[in-house]
Amino acid sequence: MARRREAKARTLVAEVAADADGACVVAVKLPNGTRRERAFSSSHAVSDVFDFVDTLEEVDGMEYSLVSNYPRRVFQRAADGGVTLLDGGLHPRAMLMYRSDD
């Protein structure tokens, strides 16, 4: 599992500065209550957020969705991976909750 996380981390899109033009700061609340945050470009895809979450030690490799609170939207890797953060309503800041699909 650790090797898979490390391999995924090497392929992540570069993090942008949180105050850069078009930056989108996404925070993810994990099942253990911790919150992890990363800045993306608003043109990055939701799949890039999933890739970031895949690198986190707190994530166990199970299937999961990312859920926004308001407006409530459930993002799934297969269905929503190609949606940009801007089009997904996640720009300029978003809080997503990790939800196990198993």
N, C-alpha and C. Protein backbone atom coordinates (compact mmCIF):
# COMPACT_ATOMS: atom_id res chain seq x y z
N MET A 1 0.83 -1.19 0.00
CA MET A 1 0.00 0.00 0.00
C MET A 1 0.87 1.26 0.00
N ALA A 2 1.93 1.26 0.81
CA ALA A 2 2.81 2.44 0.89
C ALA A 2 3.48 2.70 -0.45
N ARG A 3 3.88 1.65 -1.14
CA ARG A 3 4.53 1.84 -2.45
C ARG A 3 3.57 2.44 -3.47
N ARG A 4 2.32 1.99 -3.40
CA ARG A 4 1.32 2.53 -4.33
C ARG A 4 1.08 4.01 -4.05
N ARG A 5 1.05 4.39 -2.77
CA ARG A 5 0.89 5.81 -2.41
C ARG A 5 2.07 6.63 -2.91
N GLU A 6 3.28 6.10 -2.74
CA GLU A 6 4.48 6.82 -3.18
C GLU A 6 4.49 6.98 -4.70
N ALA A 7 4.11 5.93 -5.42
CA ALA A 7 4.06 6.01 -6.88
C ALA A 7 3.03 7.04 -7.32
N LYS A 8 1.89 7.06 -6.68
CA LYS A 8 0.84 8.03 -7.01
C LYS A 8 1.32 9.45 -6.71
N ALA A 9 2.03 9.63 -5.61
CA ALA A 9 2.53 10.95 -5.22
C ALA A 9 3.48 11.52 -6.28
N ARG A 10 4.24 10.66 -6.93
CA ARG A 10 5.18 11.13 -7.96
C ARG A 10 4.46 11.62 -9.22
N THR A 11 3.21 11.21 -9.41
CA THR A 11 2.48 11.59 -10.62
C THR A 11 1.44 12.68 -10.39
N LEU A 12 1.37 13.20 -9.16
CA LEU A 12 0.39 14.25 -8.86
C LEU A 12 0.68 15.51 -9.67
N VAL A 13 -0.37 16.23 -10.03
CA VAL A 13 -0.18 17.53 -10.66
C VAL A 13 0.50 18.44 -9.64
N ALA A 14 1.28 19.37 -10.12
CA ALA A 14 1.99 20.28 -9.22
C ALA A 14 1.01 21.14 -8.44
N GLU A 15 1.31 21.33 -7.17
CA GLU A 15 0.47 22.19 -6.34
C GLU A 15 0.72 23.63 -6.74
N VAL A 16 -0.34 24.42 -6.82
CA VAL A 16 -0.20 25.84 -7.14
C VAL A 16 -0.22 26.63 -5.84
N ALA A 17 0.26 27.85 -5.91
CA ALA A 17 0.21 28.72 -4.73
C ALA A 17 -1.25 29.05 -4.43
N ALA A 18 -1.61 29.01 -3.17
CA ALA A 18 -3.00 29.23 -2.77
C ALA A 18 -3.51 30.61 -3.16
N ASP A 19 -2.59 31.57 -3.30
CA ASP A 19 -3.01 32.93 -3.67
C ASP A 19 -2.80 33.23 -5.15
N ALA A 20 -2.48 32.22 -5.94
CA ALA A 20 -2.28 32.40 -7.38
C ALA A 20 -3.61 32.66 -8.07
N ASP A 21 -3.54 33.34 -9.20
CA ASP A 21 -4.73 33.58 -10.00
C ASP A 21 -5.33 32.24 -10.43
N GLY A 22 -6.61 32.04 -10.19
CA GLY A 22 -7.28 30.80 -10.59
C GLY A 22 -7.05 29.64 -9.65
N ALA A 23 -6.45 29.91 -8.49
CA ALA A 23 -6.20 28.83 -7.54
C ALA A 23 -7.51 28.35 -6.91
N CYS A 24 -7.55 27.09 -6.61
CA CYS A 24 -8.69 26.46 -5.95
C CYS A 24 -8.16 25.64 -4.78
N VAL A 25 -8.48 26.04 -3.58
CA VAL A 25 -8.00 25.34 -2.39
C VAL A 25 -9.07 24.33 -1.96
N VAL A 26 -8.67 23.06 -1.95
CA VAL A 26 -9.59 21.99 -1.60
C VAL A 26 -9.14 21.35 -0.30
N ALA A 27 -10.02 21.31 0.67
CA ALA A 27 -9.77 20.62 1.94
C ALA A 27 -10.61 19.35 1.93
N VAL A 28 -10.02 18.28 2.44
CA VAL A 28 -10.73 17.00 2.51
C VAL A 28 -10.75 16.54 3.96
N LYS A 29 -11.94 16.30 4.47
CA LYS A 29 -12.09 15.79 5.83
C LYS A 29 -12.11 14.27 5.76
N LEU A 30 -11.20 13.66 6.49
CA LEU A 30 -11.02 12.21 6.43
C LEU A 30 -11.80 11.51 7.55
N PRO A 31 -11.98 10.20 7.44
CA PRO A 31 -12.80 9.47 8.42
C PRO A 31 -12.31 9.60 9.86
N ASN A 32 -11.01 9.79 10.06
CA ASN A 32 -10.49 9.90 11.43
C ASN A 32 -10.61 11.32 11.98
N GLY A 33 -11.23 12.22 11.21
CA GLY A 33 -11.45 13.59 11.65
C GLY A 33 -10.40 14.59 11.23
N THR A 34 -9.28 14.11 10.69
CA THR A 34 -8.25 15.04 10.23
C THR A 34 -8.67 15.70 8.94
N ARG A 35 -8.06 16.81 8.66
CA ARG A 35 -8.36 17.58 7.46
C ARG A 35 -7.06 17.81 6.71
N ARG A 36 -7.05 17.49 5.43
CA ARG A 36 -5.88 17.70 4.60
C ARG A 36 -6.27 18.66 3.48
N GLU A 37 -5.35 19.54 3.12
CA GLU A 37 -5.66 20.60 2.17
C GLU A 37 -4.57 20.70 1.10
N ARG A 38 -4.99 21.07 -0.10
CA ARG A 38 -4.05 21.25 -1.22
C ARG A 38 -4.65 22.27 -2.18
N ALA A 39 -3.77 23.05 -2.80
CA ALA A 39 -4.21 24.04 -3.79
C ALA A 39 -4.01 23.49 -5.20
N PHE A 40 -5.03 23.61 -5.98
CA PHE A 40 -5.03 23.18 -7.39
C PHE A 40 -5.36 24.39 -8.25
N SER A 41 -5.23 24.24 -9.53
CA SER A 41 -5.74 25.24 -10.47
C SER A 41 -7.22 24.93 -10.69
N SER A 42 -8.02 25.96 -10.90
CA SER A 42 -9.45 25.73 -11.12
C SER A 42 -9.70 24.92 -12.40
N SER A 43 -8.69 24.84 -13.27
CA SER A 43 -8.84 24.05 -14.50
C SER A 43 -8.45 22.59 -14.31
N HIS A 44 -7.90 22.24 -13.13
CA HIS A 44 -7.60 20.84 -12.86
C HIS A 44 -8.90 20.07 -12.72
N ALA A 45 -8.80 18.76 -12.89
CA ALA A 45 -9.98 17.90 -12.85
C ALA A 45 -10.21 17.34 -11.45
N VAL A 46 -11.43 16.94 -11.21
CA VAL A 46 -11.78 16.29 -9.95
C VAL A 46 -10.91 15.04 -9.75
N SER A 47 -10.53 14.38 -10.82
CA SER A 47 -9.67 13.20 -10.70
C SER A 47 -8.33 13.56 -10.05
N ASP A 48 -7.86 14.80 -10.22
CA ASP A 48 -6.62 15.22 -9.58
C ASP A 48 -6.79 15.28 -8.06
N VAL A 49 -7.97 15.64 -7.60
CA VAL A 49 -8.25 15.63 -6.15
C VAL A 49 -8.27 14.19 -5.65
N PHE A 50 -8.90 13.30 -6.39
CA PHE A 50 -8.90 11.88 -6.01
C PHE A 50 -7.47 11.36 -5.94
N ASP A 51 -6.64 11.73 -6.91
CA ASP A 51 -5.24 11.29 -6.89
C ASP A 51 -4.52 11.79 -5.64
N PHE A 52 -4.78 13.04 -5.25
CA PHE A 52 -4.19 13.58 -4.03
C PHE A 52 -4.65 12.77 -2.81
N VAL A 53 -5.93 12.51 -2.72
CA VAL A 53 -6.47 11.75 -1.58
C VAL A 53 -5.86 10.36 -1.54
N ASP A 54 -5.62 9.76 -2.69
CA ASP A 54 -5.02 8.42 -2.75
C ASP A 54 -3.63 8.38 -2.11
N THR A 55 -2.95 9.51 -2.05
CA THR A 55 -1.59 9.54 -1.49
C THR A 55 -1.58 9.67 0.03
N LEU A 56 -2.70 9.92 0.64
CA LEU A 56 -2.76 10.17 2.08
C LEU A 56 -2.72 8.87 2.88
N GLU A 57 -1.93 8.86 3.93
CA GLU A 57 -1.79 7.66 4.75
C GLU A 57 -3.10 7.25 5.41
N GLU A 58 -3.96 8.21 5.67
CA GLU A 58 -5.22 7.92 6.35
C GLU A 58 -6.22 7.17 5.47
N VAL A 59 -5.95 7.09 4.19
CA VAL A 59 -6.86 6.44 3.24
C VAL A 59 -6.38 5.01 3.04
N ASP A 60 -7.31 4.08 3.13
CA ASP A 60 -6.95 2.66 3.13
C ASP A 60 -7.05 1.95 1.79
N GLY A 61 -7.31 2.65 0.72
CA GLY A 61 -7.36 2.02 -0.60
C GLY A 61 -8.72 1.50 -1.00
N MET A 62 -9.71 1.66 -0.15
CA MET A 62 -11.06 1.23 -0.51
C MET A 62 -11.67 2.21 -1.50
N GLU A 63 -12.75 1.80 -2.12
CA GLU A 63 -13.47 2.71 -3.01
C GLU A 63 -14.12 3.80 -2.17
N TYR A 64 -14.10 5.02 -2.69
CA TYR A 64 -14.68 6.12 -1.93
C TYR A 64 -15.22 7.20 -2.87
N SER A 65 -16.04 8.06 -2.30
CA SER A 65 -16.55 9.24 -2.99
C SER A 65 -16.11 10.45 -2.19
N LEU A 66 -16.17 11.61 -2.80
CA LEU A 66 -15.91 12.87 -2.13
C LEU A 66 -17.20 13.67 -2.17
N VAL A 67 -17.64 14.16 -1.02
CA VAL A 67 -18.95 14.78 -0.92
C VAL A 67 -18.82 16.22 -0.45
N SER A 68 -19.42 17.13 -1.21
CA SER A 68 -19.48 18.53 -0.78
C SER A 68 -20.74 18.70 0.05
N ASN A 69 -20.65 19.57 1.05
CA ASN A 69 -21.76 19.76 1.97
C ASN A 69 -22.86 20.64 1.38
N TYR A 70 -22.48 21.80 0.88
CA TYR A 70 -23.49 22.71 0.33
C TYR A 70 -22.95 23.45 -0.88
N PRO A 71 -23.56 23.36 -2.00
CA PRO A 71 -24.67 22.44 -2.25
C PRO A 71 -24.17 21.01 -2.25
N ARG A 72 -24.97 20.13 -1.73
CA ARG A 72 -24.54 18.73 -1.61
C ARG A 72 -24.34 18.14 -3.00
N ARG A 73 -23.15 17.58 -3.17
CA ARG A 73 -22.84 16.90 -4.42
C ARG A 73 -21.89 15.76 -4.09
N VAL A 74 -22.17 14.61 -4.65
CA VAL A 74 -21.32 13.44 -4.47
C VAL A 74 -20.47 13.29 -5.73
N PHE A 75 -19.16 13.37 -5.55
CA PHE A 75 -18.22 13.20 -6.67
C PHE A 75 -17.69 11.78 -6.63
N GLN A 76 -17.82 11.10 -7.76
CA GLN A 76 -17.29 9.75 -7.91
C GLN A 76 -16.23 9.78 -8.99
N ARG A 77 -15.17 9.01 -8.76
CA ARG A 77 -14.03 9.04 -9.66
C ARG A 77 -14.44 8.75 -11.11
N ALA A 78 -15.18 7.70 -11.33
CA ALA A 78 -15.53 7.30 -12.70
C ALA A 78 -16.47 8.29 -13.37
N ALA A 79 -17.47 8.74 -12.64
CA ALA A 79 -18.49 9.61 -13.24
C ALA A 79 -18.06 11.07 -13.34
N ASP A 80 -17.28 11.54 -12.37
CA ASP A 80 -16.98 12.97 -12.29
C ASP A 80 -15.50 13.31 -12.44
N GLY A 81 -14.67 12.32 -12.68
CA GLY A 81 -13.23 12.54 -12.75
C GLY A 81 -12.79 13.59 -13.75
N GLY A 82 -13.50 13.71 -14.87
CA GLY A 82 -13.13 14.66 -15.90
C GLY A 82 -13.67 16.07 -15.72
N VAL A 83 -14.49 16.27 -14.71
CA VAL A 83 -15.07 17.59 -14.44
C VAL A 83 -14.00 18.50 -13.86
N THR A 84 -13.91 19.73 -14.35
CA THR A 84 -12.94 20.66 -13.76
C THR A 84 -13.43 21.13 -12.40
N LEU A 85 -12.51 21.59 -11.59
CA LEU A 85 -12.89 22.09 -10.26
C LEU A 85 -13.82 23.29 -10.40
N LEU A 86 -13.59 24.10 -11.41
CA LEU A 86 -14.46 25.25 -11.65
C LEU A 86 -15.87 24.79 -12.01
N ASP A 87 -15.98 23.88 -12.97
CA ASP A 87 -17.29 23.39 -13.40
C ASP A 87 -18.00 22.58 -12.32
N GLY A 88 -17.23 21.98 -11.42
CA GLY A 88 -17.81 21.20 -10.34
C GLY A 88 -18.27 22.06 -9.16
N GLY A 89 -18.09 23.38 -9.28
CA GLY A 89 -18.52 24.29 -8.22
C GLY A 89 -17.58 24.30 -7.02
N LEU A 90 -16.33 23.89 -7.22
CA LEU A 90 -15.38 23.81 -6.11
C LEU A 90 -14.44 25.01 -6.03
N HIS A 91 -14.51 25.90 -6.97
CA HIS A 91 -13.64 27.08 -7.00
C HIS A 91 -14.32 28.21 -6.26
N PRO A 92 -13.69 29.02 -5.48
CA PRO A 92 -12.25 29.08 -5.18
C PRO A 92 -11.84 28.24 -3.97
N ARG A 93 -12.79 27.84 -3.13
CA ARG A 93 -12.48 27.01 -1.96
C ARG A 93 -13.56 25.95 -1.82
N ALA A 94 -13.14 24.79 -1.35
CA ALA A 94 -14.12 23.72 -1.15
C ALA A 94 -13.71 22.85 0.03
N MET A 95 -14.71 22.35 0.71
CA MET A 95 -14.51 21.36 1.77
C MET A 95 -15.24 20.11 1.30
N LEU A 96 -14.51 19.01 1.19
CA LEU A 96 -15.09 17.74 0.77
C LEU A 96 -14.93 16.73 1.89
N MET A 97 -15.91 15.86 2.04
CA MET A 97 -15.83 14.79 3.02
C MET A 97 -15.56 13.48 2.29
N TYR A 98 -14.65 12.72 2.84
CA TYR A 98 -14.34 11.38 2.34
C TYR A 98 -15.47 10.46 2.79
N ARG A 99 -16.02 9.72 1.84
CA ARG A 99 -17.08 8.77 2.18
C ARG A 99 -16.76 7.42 1.55
N SER A 100 -16.59 6.42 2.39
CA SER A 100 -16.29 5.07 1.89
C SER A 100 -17.49 4.53 1.14
N ASP A 101 -17.26 3.92 0.00
CA ASP A 101 -18.34 3.33 -0.79
C ASP A 101 -18.49 1.83 -0.52
N ASP A 102 -17.67 1.30 0.34
CA ASP A 102 -17.74 -0.15 0.63
C ASP A 102 -18.74 -0.44 1.71
